[in-house]
Amino acid sequence: MARFRETVRTLLRERLLDAAFERVARHGFDKLRMAHLAGDVGVSRQTLYSEFSSKEAVGEALFRRELERCLVGIQQGLDAHPDDLRAAVEAAVGFTLTLAGRNPLIRAMLTSTGEGGLLPYLTTRSAAAFDLATTMAGTYVAETWPSIDPVARELAVDTAVRLTASHVVQATASPEESARRIADTAVRVALSTGHERLPAAAARA
């Protein structure tokens, strides 16, 4: 019975976050109201407040969930190409750019614009998200391609992350084309130091 109640509560929480995301996407976080959120899901305000003590708590949970989904997608893009560094970077960057194009929370996180009343959630969280994404990508590249020079690897990962954020702010091409360009640049940076130890497959064009 306890497990059943826990499952029901988890489902309710996800429904509330889904409804919150839809409202934030349409109207911005500053226009999100707890009463409207409860009505969207068909629960009482008391039930809503038992899950989220405030609007700020909803924002915190929503931001964390979307960030986790973004990081999972990036990881899947990298995992799909264990023998080709360029293709791995292109897949991860392409996923991120596409997601940012349709997800206002991810776009705001990457640009730190605070659009739609999200600024209070971005002051420190954007920097933390960048650090997390950079660390995750750096760890992956180090484990998958250990022969890449550590200095070049760190610079290449940082370059890919920053260029991705720049393309979110001001897109100059489609997500697919931007991803290809960023991947090309990242691989060139990876080759800039200690390239004699970089496997040929890692730089495949």
Foldseek 3Di string as FASTA:
>chain_A
DVVVVVVVVVVLLVLLLVLQQVCCLVQFLVPDDLCVSCVVSVHDSVSVCVNPVDSVSSLVVNLVVVLVVLLVQLVVLLVVCLQAQLSSQLRSLLSLLVCLVRGVSSLCLLQCPCPRVNNVVRPPVSVVSLVVSLVVQLVSCCVSWVLQDSVLSSVLSNQSSNLSSVCSVPPPDHSNVSSNVSSLVSLVSSCPPSVVRTDPRHNDD
